[in-house]
Protein backbone atom coordinates (compact mmCIF):
# COMPACT_ATOMS: atom_id res chain seq x y z
CA MET A 1 172.58 47.38 217.90
CA ALA A 2 169.33 48.54 219.35
CA GLN A 3 166.38 47.70 216.95
CA ARG A 4 163.82 50.30 215.94
CA GLN A 5 160.41 50.46 214.18
CA GLU A 6 160.57 52.13 210.98
CA ASN A 7 157.77 53.49 208.81
CA GLY A 8 157.60 53.67 204.89
CA CYS A 9 158.39 56.74 202.78
CA LEU A 10 154.54 57.38 201.83
CA PRO A 11 152.30 58.72 204.41
CA CYS A 12 149.83 56.23 205.96
CA THR A 13 151.11 53.35 204.10
CA ASN A 14 154.18 50.94 204.35
CA CYS A 15 154.08 50.07 200.39
CA PHE A 16 157.17 51.77 199.80
CA VAL A 17 160.17 52.37 201.84
CA THR A 18 163.76 53.79 201.60
CA VAL A 19 166.47 52.00 203.30
CA PRO A 20 169.79 53.71 204.39
CA GLN A 21 173.10 52.60 203.52
CA ASP A 22 173.96 51.74 207.04
CA LYS A 23 170.87 49.68 208.07
CA TRP A 24 169.09 46.45 207.14
CA TYR A 25 165.20 46.54 207.20
CA ALA A 26 163.11 43.31 207.89
CA ILE A 27 159.70 43.17 206.45
CA GLU A 28 156.83 41.91 208.57
CA LYS A 29 153.41 41.04 207.37
CA PHE A 30 150.80 40.69 210.05
CA GLY A 31 153.98 40.33 212.39
CA LYS A 32 155.59 37.52 210.63
CA PHE A 33 158.96 37.89 209.27
CA ASP A 34 158.87 38.15 205.32
CA GLY A 35 162.41 39.00 204.39
CA ILE A 36 165.37 41.54 204.58
CA LEU A 37 165.53 44.58 202.44
CA ARG A 38 168.78 45.97 201.03
CA PRO A 39 169.71 49.67 201.04
CA GLY A 40 167.77 51.86 198.49
CA LEU A 41 163.98 52.30 197.58
CA ALA A 42 162.15 49.08 197.93
CA PHE A 43 158.35 48.08 197.38
CA ALA A 44 157.40 46.01 200.18
CA GLY A 45 153.71 44.93 199.12
CA ILE A 46 150.07 46.25 199.25
CA ASP A 47 149.52 47.83 202.80
CA CYS A 48 146.70 49.76 204.14
CA CYS A 49 147.09 52.16 207.01
CA GLN A 50 150.33 50.64 208.11
CA CYS A 51 148.17 47.74 209.38
CA CYS A 52 149.49 44.58 206.93
CA ILE A 53 153.20 45.74 206.87
CA THR A 54 155.80 47.08 209.49
CA PHE A 55 159.53 47.33 209.30
CA ARG A 56 162.30 46.62 212.04
CA SER A 57 165.67 48.01 211.44
CA ILE A 58 169.14 47.19 212.49
CA THR A 59 172.45 49.14 211.82
CA SER A 60 175.26 47.51 209.86
CA ARG A 61 178.00 49.49 211.20
CA VAL A 62 180.53 48.00 213.57
CA GLU A 63 179.84 49.26 217.25
CA GLN A 64 182.13 49.38 220.18
CA ASN A 65 180.75 48.12 223.48
CA MET A 66 182.56 49.26 226.60
CA VAL A 67 182.63 46.84 229.66
CA HIS A 68 183.80 47.06 233.22
CA VAL A 69 184.44 44.20 235.38
CA GLN A 70 185.65 44.31 238.74
CA THR A 71 187.52 41.22 240.17
CA LYS A 72 190.62 40.42 242.31
CA THR A 73 194.17 38.75 241.31
CA LYS A 74 195.84 35.96 242.61
CA ASP A 75 197.38 37.96 245.26
CA ASN A 76 194.11 39.55 246.47
CA VAL A 77 194.35 42.76 244.80
CA PHE A 78 190.90 44.23 243.44
CA VAL A 79 191.08 45.80 239.94
CA THR A 80 188.66 47.07 237.57
CA ALA A 81 189.16 45.80 233.93
CA GLN A 82 187.98 48.03 231.13
CA VAL A 83 187.28 45.84 227.77
CA ALA A 84 186.25 47.14 224.56
CA VAL A 85 184.30 44.88 222.29
CA GLN A 86 183.97 45.71 218.74
CA GLN A 87 181.07 43.94 216.97
CA SER A 88 178.69 43.95 213.98
CA VAL A 89 176.04 42.08 212.35
CA ILE A 90 176.79 39.23 210.04
CA PRO A 91 175.17 40.02 206.67
CA GLU A 92 174.01 36.39 206.15
CA HIS A 93 172.47 36.35 209.61
CA VAL A 94 170.56 39.65 209.94
CA GLN A 95 167.42 37.74 210.93
CA GLU A 96 168.90 36.12 213.80
CA ALA A 97 170.71 39.31 215.04
CA MET A 98 167.01 41.06 215.05
CA TYR A 99 165.02 38.23 216.62
CA LYS A 100 167.23 36.13 218.80
CA LEU A 101 168.43 38.53 221.52
CA THR A 102 166.52 41.17 223.63
CA ASP A 103 169.47 43.20 224.53
CA VAL A 104 172.94 42.60 222.82
CA HIS A 105 175.05 44.74 225.02
CA ALA A 106 174.01 42.84 228.10
CA GLN A 107 174.64 39.49 226.48
CA ILE A 108 178.17 40.59 225.41
CA ASP A 109 178.80 42.15 229.04
CA SER A 110 177.95 38.75 230.56
CA TYR A 111 180.42 36.61 228.33
CA VAL A 112 183.13 39.31 229.03
CA SER A 113 182.66 39.18 232.86
CA ASP A 114 182.84 35.52 232.83
CA VAL A 115 186.13 35.25 230.73
CA VAL A 116 187.65 38.04 233.07
CA ARG A 117 186.37 36.66 236.02
CA SER A 118 188.03 33.23 235.39
CA LYS A 119 191.28 34.43 233.86
CA LEU A 120 192.23 37.17 236.21
CA PRO A 121 191.99 35.38 239.65
CA LEU A 122 194.85 33.26 238.24
CA MET A 123 197.41 35.98 237.94
CA LEU A 124 199.36 37.93 240.23
CA LEU A 125 198.82 41.89 239.63
CA ASP A 126 202.01 42.22 237.71
CA GLU A 127 201.12 39.28 235.47
CA ALA A 128 197.61 40.72 234.75
CA PHE A 129 199.56 43.90 233.47
CA GLU A 130 201.84 41.97 231.57
CA ARG A 131 199.36 39.52 230.00
CA LYS A 132 196.74 41.83 228.99
CA ASP A 133 196.85 40.24 225.43
CA ASP A 134 196.05 36.94 226.68
CA ILE A 135 193.09 37.99 228.42
CA SER A 136 191.90 39.87 225.25
CA ASN A 137 192.37 36.68 223.17
CA ALA A 138 190.46 34.53 225.65
CA ILE A 139 187.57 37.10 225.47
CA GLN A 140 187.67 37.21 221.71
CA GLU A 141 187.59 33.32 221.33
CA LYS A 142 184.80 33.06 223.71
CA LEU A 143 182.72 35.74 222.10
CA THR A 144 183.41 34.81 218.47
CA VAL A 145 182.07 31.26 219.19
CA GLU A 146 179.08 32.34 221.22
CA MET A 147 177.92 35.52 219.32
CA LYS A 148 177.71 33.79 216.02
CA SER A 149 174.82 32.02 216.81
CA TYR A 150 173.11 35.28 217.52
CA GLY A 151 174.19 36.85 214.09
CA PHE A 152 177.16 38.85 215.44
CA ALA A 153 180.84 39.03 214.37
CA ILE A 154 183.25 39.99 216.87
CA HIS A 155 186.26 41.99 215.35
CA LYS A 156 188.18 42.80 218.28
CA SER A 157 188.12 42.62 221.95
CA LEU A 158 190.80 44.54 223.62
CA VAL A 159 191.57 44.93 227.50
CA THR A 160 192.22 48.92 227.42
CA GLU A 161 192.82 49.52 231.28
CA LEU A 162 193.56 47.50 234.35
CA THR A 163 192.76 49.96 237.48
CA PRO A 164 193.57 48.35 240.95
CA ASN A 165 192.28 49.93 244.01
CA ALA A 166 193.31 53.27 244.84
CA GLU A 167 195.22 52.47 247.98
CA VAL A 168 196.91 49.61 246.13
CA MET A 169 197.96 52.08 243.32
CA HIS A 170 199.34 54.56 246.16
CA SER A 171 201.40 51.61 247.68
CA MET A 172 202.81 50.44 244.24
CA ASN A 173 203.79 54.18 243.67
CA GLU A 174 205.47 54.54 247.11
CA ILE A 175 207.17 51.18 246.47
CA ASN A 176 208.67 52.48 243.01
CA LYS A 177 209.50 55.72 244.82
CA GLN A 178 211.32 54.20 247.57
CA LYS A 179 213.37 51.58 245.20
CA ARG A 180 214.43 54.71 243.15
CA LEU A 181 215.56 56.66 246.15
CA ARG A 182 217.46 53.59 247.25
CA ASP A 183 219.02 53.26 243.72
CA ALA A 184 219.81 57.18 243.88
CA SER A 185 221.42 56.68 247.27
CA ILE A 186 223.54 53.60 246.07
CA MET A 187 225.10 55.59 243.32
CA ALA A 188 225.52 58.67 245.23
CA ALA A 189 227.53 56.71 247.82
CA GLU A 190 229.29 54.88 245.15
CA ALA A 191 230.13 58.29 243.61
CA GLU A 192 231.52 59.41 246.93
CA LYS A 193 233.47 56.40 247.46
CA ILE A 194 235.30 56.79 244.06
CA LYS A 195 236.04 60.32 245.04
CA VAL A 196 237.70 59.13 248.28
CA VAL A 197 239.36 56.32 246.77
CA LYS A 198 240.66 58.92 243.92
CA ALA A 199 241.77 61.38 246.47
CA ALA A 200 243.36 58.79 248.26
CA GLU A 201 245.21 57.52 245.27
CA ALA A 202 246.24 61.28 244.14
CA SER A 203 247.57 61.84 247.82
CA ALA A 204 249.68 58.82 247.76
CA ASP A 205 251.05 59.43 244.31
CA ALA A 206 251.72 63.05 245.48
CA ALA A 207 253.56 61.68 248.61
CA GLN A 208 255.51 59.14 246.25
CA LEU A 209 256.62 61.82 244.12
CA GLN A 210 257.53 64.15 246.74
CA GLY A 211 259.64 61.65 248.51
CA GLU A 212 261.25 60.91 245.05
CA GLY A 213 261.72 64.57 244.76
CA ILE A 214 263.18 64.97 248.17
CA ALA A 215 265.57 61.86 247.58
CA ARG A 216 266.68 63.42 244.20
CA GLN A 217 267.45 66.66 245.94
CA ARG A 218 269.46 65.21 248.81
CA ARG A 219 271.24 63.25 246.35
CA ALA A 220 272.07 66.28 244.06
CA ILE A 221 273.08 68.17 247.08
CA ILE A 222 275.41 65.44 248.38
CA GLU A 223 277.03 65.17 244.97
CA GLY A 224 277.38 69.00 244.74
CA LEU A 225 279.08 69.03 248.24
CA ARG A 226 281.41 66.41 247.33
CA ASP A 227 282.45 67.90 244.27
CA SER A 228 282.91 71.42 245.78
CA ILE A 229 285.11 70.09 248.39
CA GLN A 230 287.10 67.62 246.26
CA HIS A 231 287.56 70.16 243.55
CA GLY A 232 291.55 70.67 243.13
CA THR A 233 292.21 68.36 246.15
CA ASN A 234 292.83 64.64 246.14
CA GLU A 235 291.08 64.39 249.45
CA GLN A 236 288.36 61.80 249.41
CA LEU A 237 285.16 62.45 251.81
CA SER A 238 283.68 59.68 253.65
CA THR A 239 280.10 59.07 253.82
CA GLU A 240 280.10 60.31 257.60
CA LYS A 241 281.54 63.59 256.37
CA VAL A 242 279.19 63.90 253.52
CA SER A 243 276.21 62.87 255.93
CA GLU A 244 277.63 65.82 258.40
CA LEU A 245 277.62 68.43 255.79
CA LEU A 246 274.30 67.44 254.56
CA LEU A 247 272.84 67.92 258.00
CA ILE A 248 274.41 71.11 258.47
CA THR A 249 272.86 72.48 255.29
CA GLN A 250 269.42 71.19 256.21
CA TYR A 251 269.79 72.88 259.65
CA PHE A 252 270.40 76.26 258.04
CA GLU A 253 267.86 75.69 255.50
CA THR A 254 265.42 74.85 258.34
CA LEU A 255 266.40 78.22 260.16
CA ARG A 256 266.07 80.17 256.73
CA ASP A 257 262.52 78.76 256.28
CA ILE A 258 261.10 79.33 259.92
CA ALA A 259 262.46 82.98 259.58
CA ALA A 260 260.81 83.55 256.19
CA SER A 261 257.46 82.36 257.14
CA SER A 262 254.94 85.13 257.96
CA LYS A 263 253.02 82.78 260.31
CA ALA A 264 256.34 81.54 262.05
CA GLN A 265 255.95 81.28 265.97
CA VAL A 266 258.81 81.62 268.39
CA VAL A 267 261.16 78.46 268.34
CA PHE A 268 264.26 78.24 270.76
CA LEU A 269 267.01 76.10 268.98
CA PRO A 270 270.53 75.87 270.08
CA HIS A 271 272.33 77.92 267.24
CA SER A 272 276.19 77.44 267.28
CA ALA A 273 278.80 75.76 265.59
CA GLY A 274 279.21 73.60 268.69
CA ALA A 275 275.46 72.93 268.65
CA VAL A 276 275.56 71.58 265.16
CA ALA A 277 278.57 69.43 265.94
CA ASP A 278 276.69 68.03 268.95
CA VAL A 279 273.68 67.26 266.52
CA SER A 280 275.76 65.44 264.22
CA GLY A 281 277.74 63.59 266.76
CA GLN A 282 274.42 62.55 268.13
CA ILE A 283 273.33 61.07 264.52
CA ARG A 284 276.62 59.49 264.19
CA ASN A 285 276.70 57.81 267.51
CA GLY A 286 273.26 56.55 267.02
CA ILE A 287 274.11 55.08 263.69
CA LEU A 288 276.96 53.26 265.38
CA GLN A 289 275.10 52.07 268.14
CA ALA A 290 272.26 50.83 265.81
CA GLY A 291 275.12 49.00 263.67
CA ALA A 292 276.76 47.39 266.61
CA PRO A 293 274.46 44.92 267.64
CA GLY A 294 273.83 44.05 264.13
CA GLN A 295 277.70 43.15 263.76
CA MET A 296 277.41 40.81 266.92
CA ARG A 297 274.85 38.89 265.59
CA MET A 298 276.77 38.38 262.43
């Protein structure tokens, strides 16, 4: 928005001037404002050696003014706010835009700094990032009212960046890093917990199925022994006899398993028919002794 002195299109005179499409020219006769020239070729008046008539120009384009303001937030964190202000000259107020302000950019910087330093100290750092639009709207409202009297229209003001102190940024990144590491550790622990729980459930189910299988196996063995012994005879086997047969069968199966194992160690067992009878007798006596106290209590 800087103003410039312009010359006419003829040498040594300012009688005629060519105005570009993106500028406005002000005519000054003997230093006094006389009017605004529109784009194109224009006759300004009688001039002698550029002493009577002079021209002053200003752009009609929308310009962007970048403002950097440093202030602190409510939680005492110093931040640098970068604000982009887009302004242009109001066509009906070209004269005010040319003659009222010495430095347009400095004036806009002052208003923007005033608004930012009055808004940011009321917000926490996280709120400042979340409410950038509120700051932008406040800046635009302030500039629209104040700059209109100087002949400028404010099209948009944007808070394009909020940059905290480098140490604060490092601390924030470290906090986020540790938070994510903690979440990752929790998730890993939960996954490990699920694995352990599922393994325990699988082990419990396997043990239950194994026990059911052993029970069915023993029941089948007992029924097979009973049927094979009672076949062709009318003799009825008692529960004690069936238990003795089952015990003898398991005894020989154990001997077979020990002999078949390639990693078997030396095991000393009493192996004779009498030994088997002794084992069965001990089991029978243990069952009878355990049942006797129960019968006495009844």
